[in-house]
Amino acid sequence: MPVKNVTISKRADNWYISFKYDWEPALLPPLKKRPVIGVDVGINTLATCSDGTTYANVKAYKQAKKQLTRSQRRVNKKEIGSKNRAKAIKKLAKLHKKVAYIRADTLHKLTAWLAKNHSTIVIEDLNVSGMLKNHNPPSLAPPGRGWGWVQTVGFMSSSVNLHTSVSGMEAS
């Protein structure tokens, strides 16, 4: 299997390597258990499905906000260009990476389950940037950035492409 592309990246003091190649599954995936499901991405819950199931919104940023604030304060108190500041920046980057990974893990698990078990997934069409600019109600805009609505739709399309051969994702 020939490698098409190799990417080496560094994130929060860790190195990662990813390979891109063409892969074709040998067998067709089994038929889906359920035909159609609608997904409503919400504020209070991560997702509410048309069959009534709800998935809790993992509030990783809200839980880590105190640690992030302290770490950011430690960075700001260090002298610019010092080794101690560089160490504090690494710690802050690791905290941000941890928060991002918690949210991404939850979204991957949800979207993979939906793609494996449903032949057609219908997601509401959101104007996320417009919602974040509108500050009515005022409590929506700041926390709305941490919910990952756009990331959910992106993960959903990649999960559907991975777990499906014939049917695909429909947006409405």
Protein backbone atom coordinates (compact mmCIF):
# COMPACT_ATOMS: atom_id res chain seq x y z
CA MET A 1 0.00 0.00 0.00
CA PRO A 2 1.81 3.17 -1.15
CA VAL A 3 1.86 6.21 1.13
CA LYS A 4 0.50 9.33 -0.56
CA ASN A 5 1.43 11.94 2.03
CA VAL A 6 3.25 12.19 5.37
CA THR A 7 2.66 14.98 7.87
CA ILE A 8 4.79 15.59 10.95
CA SER A 9 3.34 17.98 13.50
CA LYS A 10 4.11 19.19 17.01
CA ARG A 11 1.33 19.97 19.44
CA ALA A 12 1.94 20.96 23.05
CA ASP A 13 5.45 19.47 23.21
CA ASN A 14 4.38 16.17 21.58
CA TRP A 15 5.30 15.07 18.08
CA TYR A 16 2.82 13.33 15.79
CA ILE A 17 3.20 11.68 12.40
CA SER A 18 0.29 10.90 10.11
CA PHE A 19 0.25 8.93 6.90
CA LYS A 20 -2.23 9.38 4.07
CA TYR A 21 -2.97 6.44 1.80
CA ASP A 22 -5.78 4.95 -0.25
CA TRP A 23 -7.68 2.21 1.55
CA GLU A 24 -10.50 0.16 0.19
CA PRO A 25 -12.41 -2.12 2.55
CA ALA A 26 -12.52 -5.74 1.52
CA LEU A 27 -16.08 -6.38 2.70
CA LEU A 28 -19.15 -4.20 2.59
CA PRO A 29 -20.28 -3.04 6.03
CA PRO A 30 -23.30 -4.87 7.47
CA LEU A 31 -26.74 -3.37 7.06
CA LYS A 32 -27.59 -0.66 9.54
CA LYS A 33 -29.87 -1.49 12.44
CA ARG A 34 -31.94 1.67 12.09
CA PRO A 35 -32.82 3.42 8.83
CA VAL A 36 -33.14 7.17 9.53
CA ILE A 37 -32.36 9.45 12.46
CA GLY A 38 -32.56 13.20 12.90
CA VAL A 39 -30.03 14.98 15.08
CA ASP A 40 -30.63 18.32 16.76
CA VAL A 41 -27.42 19.90 18.01
CA GLY A 42 -28.36 21.97 21.02
CA ILE A 43 -27.26 24.27 23.79
CA ASN A 44 -28.16 22.27 26.89
CA THR A 45 -27.36 18.88 25.36
CA LEU A 46 -24.73 17.94 22.81
CA ALA A 47 -27.30 16.22 20.61
CA THR A 48 -30.93 15.22 20.77
CA CYS A 49 -31.97 12.48 18.36
CA SER A 50 -35.37 12.03 16.76
CA ASP A 51 -35.86 8.78 18.68
CA GLY A 52 -35.73 10.74 21.95
CA THR A 53 -32.21 9.92 23.10
CA THR A 54 -30.13 12.81 24.36
CA TYR A 55 -26.37 13.05 24.75
CA ALA A 56 -24.93 15.20 27.51
CA ASN A 57 -22.76 18.13 26.56
CA VAL A 58 -19.27 17.54 27.93
CA LYS A 59 -18.25 20.87 29.38
CA ALA A 60 -14.52 20.29 29.38
CA TYR A 61 -13.66 23.98 29.03
CA LYS A 62 -15.95 24.98 31.87
CA GLN A 63 -14.42 22.33 34.12
CA ALA A 64 -10.85 23.32 33.25
CA LYS A 65 -11.41 27.09 33.22
CA LYS A 66 -9.97 27.59 36.71
CA GLN A 67 -6.80 25.63 35.86
CA LEU A 68 -6.45 27.46 32.54
CA THR A 69 -6.81 30.82 34.26
CA ARG A 70 -4.15 29.97 36.83
CA SER A 71 -1.80 28.65 34.19
CA GLN A 72 -2.29 31.74 32.02
CA ARG A 73 -1.61 33.97 35.03
CA ARG A 74 1.63 32.06 35.71
CA VAL A 75 2.71 32.60 32.11
CA ASN A 76 2.01 36.32 32.34
CA LYS A 77 4.01 36.67 35.57
CA LYS A 78 7.15 35.14 34.06
CA GLU A 79 9.77 37.29 32.42
CA ILE A 80 9.52 37.35 28.62
CA GLY A 81 12.17 35.16 27.02
CA SER A 82 13.01 33.21 30.18
CA LYS A 83 13.17 29.42 30.42
CA ASN A 84 10.59 29.44 33.21
CA ARG A 85 8.16 31.25 30.90
CA ALA A 86 8.77 28.63 28.21
CA LYS A 87 8.00 25.88 30.74
CA ALA A 88 4.82 27.66 31.84
CA ILE A 89 3.74 28.05 28.20
CA LYS A 90 4.24 24.29 27.67
CA LYS A 91 2.04 23.54 30.69
CA LEU A 92 -0.65 25.90 29.40
CA ALA A 93 -0.53 24.30 25.95
CA LYS A 94 -0.92 20.84 27.50
CA LEU A 95 -4.01 21.98 29.40
CA HIS A 96 -5.55 23.41 26.22
CA LYS A 97 -4.72 20.19 24.37
CA LYS A 98 -6.37 18.12 27.12
CA VAL A 99 -9.59 20.17 26.88
CA ALA A 100 -9.63 19.87 23.09
CA TYR A 101 -9.04 16.11 23.23
CA ILE A 102 -11.87 15.56 25.74
CA ARG A 103 -14.34 17.34 23.47
CA ALA A 104 -13.04 15.64 20.32
CA ASP A 105 -13.21 12.21 21.96
CA THR A 106 -16.85 12.71 22.95
CA LEU A 107 -17.76 13.93 19.46
CA HIS A 108 -15.93 11.02 17.80
CA LYS A 109 -17.75 8.48 19.95
CA LEU A 110 -21.16 10.04 19.24
CA THR A 111 -20.68 10.45 15.50
CA ALA A 112 -19.15 6.98 15.07
CA TRP A 113 -22.09 5.38 16.89
CA LEU A 114 -24.59 7.29 14.76
CA ALA A 115 -22.78 6.41 11.52
CA LYS A 116 -22.45 2.71 12.42
CA ASN A 117 -26.08 2.25 13.40
CA HIS A 118 -28.07 4.48 11.02
CA SER A 119 -28.23 4.47 7.25
CA THR A 120 -29.37 8.10 6.91
CA ILE A 121 -28.50 10.90 9.33
CA VAL A 122 -30.29 14.23 9.07
CA ILE A 123 -28.70 17.18 10.88
CA GLU A 124 -30.18 20.61 11.33
CA ASP A 125 -28.51 23.39 9.37
CA LEU A 126 -27.05 25.92 11.82
CA ASN A 127 -25.77 29.44 11.25
CA VAL A 128 -23.20 29.12 14.04
CA SER A 129 -21.27 32.31 13.29
CA GLY A 130 -24.50 34.31 13.31
CA MET A 131 -25.55 32.74 16.60
CA LEU A 132 -22.24 33.60 18.22
CA LYS A 133 -22.40 37.23 17.03
CA ASN A 134 -25.92 37.66 18.37
CA HIS A 135 -25.75 38.32 22.11
CA ASN A 136 -29.48 37.78 22.74
CA PRO A 137 -29.63 35.96 25.10
CA PRO A 138 -26.32 37.29 26.41
CA SER A 139 -25.32 33.94 27.89
CA LEU A 140 -25.22 32.18 24.49
CA ALA A 141 -22.21 33.74 22.75
CA PRO A 142 -19.26 33.11 25.13
CA PRO A 143 -20.00 29.45 25.99
CA GLY A 144 -21.21 28.72 22.47
CA ARG A 145 -17.64 28.67 21.22
CA GLY A 146 -16.90 25.64 23.42
CA TRP A 147 -19.71 23.42 22.18
CA GLY A 148 -18.10 22.38 18.92
CA TRP A 149 -21.17 22.51 16.65
CA VAL A 150 -19.12 22.88 13.49
CA GLN A 151 -16.73 20.18 14.65
CA THR A 152 -19.70 17.84 15.25
CA VAL A 153 -20.87 18.17 11.65
CA GLY A 154 -17.31 17.66 10.36
CA PHE A 155 -16.84 14.53 12.46
CA MET A 156 -20.25 13.30 11.35
CA SER A 157 -19.39 13.56 7.65
CA SER A 158 -16.04 11.81 8.12
CA SER A 159 -17.64 9.06 10.23
CA VAL A 160 -20.34 8.51 7.64
CA ASN A 161 -17.71 8.27 4.90
CA LEU A 162 -15.72 5.76 6.97
CA HIS A 163 -18.63 3.55 8.03
CA THR A 164 -20.78 3.69 4.90
CA SER A 165 -20.48 2.44 1.37
CA VAL A 166 -23.82 3.36 -0.22
CA SER A 167 -25.81 5.77 1.91
CA GLY A 168 -24.55 9.11 3.06
CA MET A 169 -25.29 12.04 5.30
CA GLU A 170 -28.06 14.43 4.44
CA ALA A 171 -28.32 17.93 5.88
CA SER A 172 -31.62 19.72 6.21
